[in-house]
Amino acid sequence: RMRGAVISTRLCNALPLCATGFAISAEWGRVGKIGLTGVVNAMRFVLTAVIFLLGMFDLFMGLNFLFNPDATAAGFGLAGLGNQGTSTLRADFAAFFGVIAVCMILGAWRRNGDLLLVPAALMGTAVVVRAVSVMLDGTYPGWPIPMAVEAVHVLVLIAAWRVLPHHK
């Protein structure tokens, strides 16, 4: 019998979305205990969950543009003119939101920070161009809402990129 020897395993290895860092430790002759291994691991868990949820939001937005482009575009102040306009709405916006969603969901699922740079760049570009448009064209009712959504995406994605592992 080995006194004081510790057997430790990571609970999260079995669950891809779980980035909690909870560790199950059992010492010989004692009951096992579960403890949080650090604040960074708690932040990883929260950021991973938020990214996954934001990715699902973007996925549904992309699917709305794919299957119902005219009604979805109306919520953005857009209208497709004829089949060409509807096709453009369907293709461009479904691709924009779809790529963002897939990268966010896969990045969260695999805990891969590098995958999060693509949606961060796309959303960052969108918020900068919206700011330029506000300066050049002026404001419109509700203009801060899309900018805030895009800015939150960028902040969460960059924060997660800093704490999630990078894969080569």
C-alpha atoms as a PDB file:
ATOM      1  CA  ARG A   1       0.000   0.000   0.000  1.00  0.00           C
ATOM      2  CA  MET A   2       1.410   3.360  -1.076  1.00  0.00           C
ATOM      3  CA  ARG A   3       0.525   6.098   1.410  1.00  0.00           C
ATOM      4  CA  GLY A   4       0.100   9.570  -0.039  1.00  0.00           C
ATOM      5  CA  ALA A   5       0.251   8.460  -3.670  1.00  0.00           C
ATOM      6  CA  VAL A   6      -2.240  10.382  -5.758  1.00  0.00           C
ATOM      7  CA  ILE A   7      -4.158   9.057  -8.729  1.00  0.00           C
ATOM      8  CA  SER A   8      -5.519  11.910 -10.798  1.00  0.00           C
ATOM      9  CA  THR A   9      -7.516  12.056 -14.008  1.00  0.00           C
ATOM     10  CA  ARG A  10      -9.211  14.877 -15.880  1.00  0.00           C
ATOM     11  CA  LEU A  11     -12.976  14.660 -15.977  1.00  0.00           C
ATOM     12  CA  CYS A  12     -13.042  16.811 -19.103  1.00  0.00           C
ATOM     13  CA  ASN A  13     -11.125  14.428 -21.341  1.00  0.00           C
ATOM     14  CA  ALA A  14     -14.341  12.502 -21.898  1.00  0.00           C
ATOM     15  CA  LEU A  15     -16.443  15.589 -22.638  1.00  0.00           C
ATOM     16  CA  PRO A  16     -15.297  17.755 -25.564  1.00  0.00           C
ATOM     17  CA  LEU A  17     -17.285  20.852 -24.549  1.00  0.00           C
ATOM     18  CA  CYS A  18     -16.191  20.670 -20.952  1.00  0.00           C
ATOM     19  CA  ALA A  19     -13.217  22.921 -20.407  1.00  0.00           C
ATOM     20  CA  THR A  20     -13.760  23.223 -16.683  1.00  0.00           C
ATOM     21  CA  GLY A  21     -10.494  21.773 -15.555  1.00  0.00           C
ATOM     22  CA  PHE A  22     -12.208  19.764 -12.851  1.00  0.00           C
ATOM     23  CA  ALA A  23      -9.901  17.034 -11.683  1.00  0.00           C
ATOM     24  CA  ILE A  24     -10.858  13.877  -9.853  1.00  0.00           C
ATOM     25  CA  SER A  25      -8.202  12.970  -7.339  1.00  0.00           C
ATOM     26  CA  ALA A  26      -8.124   9.928  -5.135  1.00  0.00           C
ATOM     27  CA  GLU A  27      -5.522   9.223  -2.521  1.00  0.00           C
ATOM     28  CA  TRP A  28      -4.985   5.654  -1.387  1.00  0.00           C
ATOM     29  CA  GLY A  29      -7.146   5.047   1.652  1.00  0.00           C
ATOM     30  CA  ARG A  30      -9.188   8.246   1.249  1.00  0.00           C
ATOM     31  CA  VAL A  31     -12.404   9.184  -0.481  1.00  0.00           C
ATOM     32  CA  GLY A  32     -11.936  10.926  -3.858  1.00  0.00           C
ATOM     33  CA  LYS A  33     -12.417  14.648  -4.124  1.00  0.00           C
ATOM     34  CA  ILE A  34     -13.333  16.991  -6.952  1.00  0.00           C
ATOM     35  CA  GLY A  35     -11.784  20.444  -7.078  1.00  0.00           C
ATOM     36  CA  LEU A  36     -11.416  23.324  -9.493  1.00  0.00           C
ATOM     37  CA  THR A  37      -7.829  23.588 -10.651  1.00  0.00           C
ATOM     38  CA  GLY A  38      -7.812  27.331 -11.234  1.00  0.00           C
ATOM     39  CA  VAL A  39      -9.530  30.513 -12.225  1.00  0.00           C
ATOM     40  CA  VAL A  40      -8.259  30.178 -15.794  1.00  0.00           C
ATOM     41  CA  ASN A  41     -10.041  26.849 -16.139  1.00  0.00           C
ATOM     42  CA  ALA A  42     -13.302  28.371 -14.913  1.00  0.00           C
ATOM     43  CA  MET A  43     -12.869  31.174 -17.434  1.00  0.00           C
ATOM     44  CA  ARG A  44     -12.229  28.600 -20.155  1.00  0.00           C
ATOM     45  CA  PHE A  45     -15.460  26.847 -19.297  1.00  0.00           C
ATOM     46  CA  VAL A  46     -17.514  30.052 -19.324  1.00  0.00           C
ATOM     47  CA  LEU A  47     -15.943  31.330 -22.548  1.00  0.00           C
ATOM     48  CA  THR A  48     -16.363  27.964 -24.249  1.00  0.00           C
ATOM     49  CA  ALA A  49     -20.048  27.861 -23.309  1.00  0.00           C
ATOM     50  CA  VAL A  50     -20.629  31.471 -24.417  1.00  0.00           C
ATOM     51  CA  ILE A  51     -18.841  30.850 -27.723  1.00  0.00           C
ATOM     52  CA  PHE A  52     -20.871  27.731 -28.352  1.00  0.00           C
ATOM     53  CA  LEU A  53     -24.130  29.604 -27.655  1.00  0.00           C
ATOM     54  CA  LEU A  54     -23.116  32.578 -29.825  1.00  0.00           C
ATOM     55  CA  GLY A  55     -22.137  30.116 -32.547  1.00  0.00           C
ATOM     56  CA  MET A  56     -25.574  28.506 -32.355  1.00  0.00           C
ATOM     57  CA  PHE A  57     -27.162  31.977 -32.626  1.00  0.00           C
ATOM     58  CA  ASP A  58     -25.072  32.683 -35.730  1.00  0.00           C
ATOM     59  CA  LEU A  59     -25.880  29.256 -37.166  1.00  0.00           C
ATOM     60  CA  PHE A  60     -29.609  29.925 -36.846  1.00  0.00           C
ATOM     61  CA  MET A  61     -29.093  33.368 -38.385  1.00  0.00           C
ATOM     62  CA  GLY A  62     -27.314  31.774 -41.347  1.00  0.00           C
ATOM     63  CA  LEU A  63     -30.027  29.147 -41.707  1.00  0.00           C
ATOM     64  CA  ASN A  64     -32.689  31.881 -41.629  1.00  0.00           C
ATOM     65  CA  PHE A  65     -30.929  33.634 -44.509  1.00  0.00           C
ATOM     66  CA  LEU A  66     -30.635  30.331 -46.350  1.00  0.00           C
ATOM     67  CA  PHE A  67     -34.285  29.263 -46.042  1.00  0.00           C
ATOM     68  CA  ASN A  68     -36.101  32.577 -45.583  1.00  0.00           C
ATOM     69  CA  PRO A  69     -33.859  35.297 -47.039  1.00  0.00           C
ATOM     70  CA  ASP A  70     -36.441  37.999 -47.762  1.00  0.00           C
ATOM     71  CA  ALA A  71     -38.042  38.048 -44.311  1.00  0.00           C
ATOM     72  CA  THR A  72     -34.692  37.784 -42.518  1.00  0.00           C
ATOM     73  CA  ALA A  73     -33.164  40.528 -44.668  1.00  0.00           C
ATOM     74  CA  ALA A  74     -36.082  42.839 -43.847  1.00  0.00           C
ATOM     75  CA  GLY A  75     -34.972  42.730 -40.201  1.00  0.00           C
ATOM     76  CA  PHE A  76     -31.589  44.058 -41.365  1.00  0.00           C
ATOM     77  CA  GLY A  77     -33.128  46.832 -43.448  1.00  0.00           C
ATOM     78  CA  LEU A  78     -32.402  44.977 -46.699  1.00  0.00           C
ATOM     79  CA  ALA A  79     -34.548  43.780 -49.578  1.00  0.00           C
ATOM     80  CA  GLY A  80     -33.651  41.501 -52.438  1.00  0.00           C
ATOM     81  CA  LEU A  81     -34.703  42.795 -55.843  1.00  0.00           C
ATOM     82  CA  GLY A  82     -35.889  39.810 -57.831  1.00  0.00           C
ATOM     83  CA  ASN A  83     -34.226  36.417 -58.007  1.00  0.00           C
ATOM     84  CA  GLN A  84     -30.731  37.882 -58.243  1.00  0.00           C
ATOM     85  CA  GLY A  85     -31.204  39.912 -55.054  1.00  0.00           C
ATOM     86  CA  THR A  86     -32.697  36.967 -53.178  1.00  0.00           C
ATOM     87  CA  SER A  87     -29.866  34.742 -54.375  1.00  0.00           C
ATOM     88  CA  THR A  88     -27.297  37.271 -53.201  1.00  0.00           C
ATOM     89  CA  LEU A  89     -28.945  37.613 -49.789  1.00  0.00           C
ATOM     90  CA  ARG A  90     -29.167  33.858 -49.452  1.00  0.00           C
ATOM     91  CA  ALA A  91     -25.572  33.145 -50.510  1.00  0.00           C
ATOM     92  CA  ASP A  92     -23.658  36.028 -48.944  1.00  0.00           C
ATOM     93  CA  PHE A  93     -25.362  36.210 -45.578  1.00  0.00           C
ATOM     94  CA  ALA A  94     -25.712  32.448 -45.131  1.00  0.00           C
ATOM     95  CA  ALA A  95     -21.999  32.134 -45.918  1.00  0.00           C
ATOM     96  CA  PHE A  96     -21.037  34.985 -43.558  1.00  0.00           C
ATOM     97  CA  PHE A  97     -23.003  33.705 -40.603  1.00  0.00           C
ATOM     98  CA  GLY A  98     -22.387  30.047 -41.484  1.00  0.00           C
ATOM     99  CA  VAL A  99     -18.589  30.367 -41.537  1.00  0.00           C
ATOM    100  CA  ILE A 100     -18.666  32.324 -38.297  1.00  0.00           C
ATOM    101  CA  ALA A 101     -20.922  29.713 -36.677  1.00  0.00           C
ATOM    102  CA  VAL A 102     -18.941  26.677 -37.833  1.00  0.00           C
ATOM    103  CA  CYS A 103     -15.626  28.172 -36.701  1.00  0.00           C
ATOM    104  CA  MET A 104     -17.065  29.167 -33.324  1.00  0.00           C
ATOM    105  CA  ILE A 105     -18.786  25.848 -32.668  1.00  0.00           C
ATOM    106  CA  LEU A 106     -15.775  23.783 -33.773  1.00  0.00           C
ATOM    107  CA  GLY A 107     -13.405  26.042 -31.854  1.00  0.00           C
ATOM    108  CA  ALA A 108     -15.483  25.619 -28.701  1.00  0.00           C
ATOM    109  CA  TRP A 109     -16.022  21.893 -29.224  1.00  0.00           C
ATOM    110  CA  ARG A 110     -12.331  21.158 -29.842  1.00  0.00           C
ATOM    111  CA  ARG A 111     -11.089  23.838 -27.457  1.00  0.00           C
ATOM    112  CA  ASN A 112      -9.019  25.224 -30.329  1.00  0.00           C
ATOM    113  CA  GLY A 113      -8.261  28.923 -29.986  1.00  0.00           C
ATOM    114  CA  ASP A 114      -6.918  29.236 -33.518  1.00  0.00           C
ATOM    115  CA  LEU A 115     -10.318  28.509 -35.075  1.00  0.00           C
ATOM    116  CA  LEU A 116     -11.722  31.531 -33.240  1.00  0.00           C
ATOM    117  CA  LEU A 117      -9.568  34.025 -35.143  1.00  0.00           C
ATOM    118  CA  VAL A 118     -11.674  33.680 -38.312  1.00  0.00           C
ATOM    119  CA  PRO A 119     -14.989  34.765 -36.738  1.00  0.00           C
ATOM    120  CA  ALA A 120     -13.165  37.417 -34.692  1.00  0.00           C
ATOM    121  CA  ALA A 121     -11.754  38.904 -37.899  1.00  0.00           C
ATOM    122  CA  LEU A 122     -15.110  38.790 -39.690  1.00  0.00           C
ATOM    123  CA  MET A 123     -17.050  40.330 -36.804  1.00  0.00           C
ATOM    124  CA  GLY A 124     -14.274  42.849 -36.153  1.00  0.00           C
ATOM    125  CA  THR A 125     -14.417  43.940 -39.768  1.00  0.00           C
ATOM    126  CA  ALA A 126     -18.203  44.245 -39.561  1.00  0.00           C
ATOM    127  CA  VAL A 127     -18.120  46.439 -36.444  1.00  0.00           C
ATOM    128  CA  VAL A 128     -15.401  48.705 -37.905  1.00  0.00           C
ATOM    129  CA  VAL A 129     -17.292  49.131 -41.189  1.00  0.00           C
ATOM    130  CA  ARG A 130     -20.497  49.872 -39.257  1.00  0.00           C
ATOM    131  CA  ALA A 131     -18.645  52.569 -37.305  1.00  0.00           C
ATOM    132  CA  VAL A 132     -17.373  54.064 -40.557  1.00  0.00           C
ATOM    133  CA  SER A 133     -20.913  53.980 -41.942  1.00  0.00           C
ATOM    134  CA  VAL A 134     -22.270  55.774 -38.866  1.00  0.00           C
ATOM    135  CA  MET A 135     -19.654  58.501 -39.342  1.00  0.00           C
ATOM    136  CA  LEU A 136     -20.292  58.849 -43.086  1.00  0.00           C
ATOM    137  CA  ASP A 137     -24.036  58.210 -43.321  1.00  0.00           C
ATOM    138  CA  GLY A 138     -25.335  59.048 -39.854  1.00  0.00           C
ATOM    139  CA  THR A 139     -27.331  56.931 -37.451  1.00  0.00           C
ATOM    140  CA  TYR A 140     -30.610  55.094 -37.819  1.00  0.00           C
ATOM    141  CA  PRO A 141     -33.075  53.722 -35.258  1.00  0.00           C
ATOM    142  CA  GLY A 142     -31.498  50.842 -33.359  1.00  0.00           C
ATOM    143  CA  TRP A 143     -27.993  51.285 -34.833  1.00  0.00           C
ATOM    144  CA  PRO A 144     -26.091  50.438 -31.614  1.00  0.00           C
ATOM    145  CA  ILE A 145     -27.626  46.951 -31.308  1.00  0.00           C
ATOM    146  CA  PRO A 146     -25.871  45.216 -34.234  1.00  0.00           C
ATOM    147  CA  MET A 147     -22.616  46.967 -33.353  1.00  0.00           C
ATOM    148  CA  ALA A 148     -22.898  45.782 -29.754  1.00  0.00           C
ATOM    149  CA  VAL A 149     -23.606  42.194 -30.843  1.00  0.00           C
ATOM    150  CA  GLU A 150     -20.583  42.223 -33.155  1.00  0.00           C
ATOM    151  CA  ALA A 151     -18.357  43.875 -30.524  1.00  0.00           C
ATOM    152  CA  VAL A 152     -19.370  41.285 -27.916  1.00  0.00           C
ATOM    153  CA  HIS A 153     -18.503  38.546 -30.409  1.00  0.00           C
ATOM    154  CA  VAL A 154     -15.054  40.065 -30.956  1.00  0.00           C
ATOM    155  CA  LEU A 155     -14.336  40.559 -27.241  1.00  0.00           C
ATOM    156  CA  VAL A 156     -15.434  37.040 -26.294  1.00  0.00           C
ATOM    157  CA  LEU A 157     -13.555  35.449 -29.202  1.00  0.00           C
ATOM    158  CA  ILE A 158     -10.292  37.297 -28.502  1.00  0.00           C
ATOM    159  CA  ALA A 159     -10.548  36.525 -24.785  1.00  0.00           C
ATOM    160  CA  ALA A 160     -11.122  32.840 -25.563  1.00  0.00           C
ATOM    161  CA  TRP A 161      -8.278  32.824 -28.088  1.00  0.00           C
ATOM    162  CA  ARG A 162      -5.976  34.007 -25.302  1.00  0.00           C
ATOM    163  CA  VAL A 163      -6.947  31.237 -22.846  1.00  0.00           C
ATOM    164  CA  LEU A 164      -7.753  28.257 -25.091  1.00  0.00           C
ATOM    165  CA  PRO A 165      -4.982  26.041 -26.433  1.00  0.00           C
ATOM    166  CA  HIS A 166      -3.531  26.659 -29.897  1.00  0.00           C
ATOM    167  CA  HIS A 167      -3.035  23.769 -32.297  1.00  0.00           C
ATOM    168  CA  LYS A 168      -0.570  23.609 -35.130  1.00  0.00           C
END
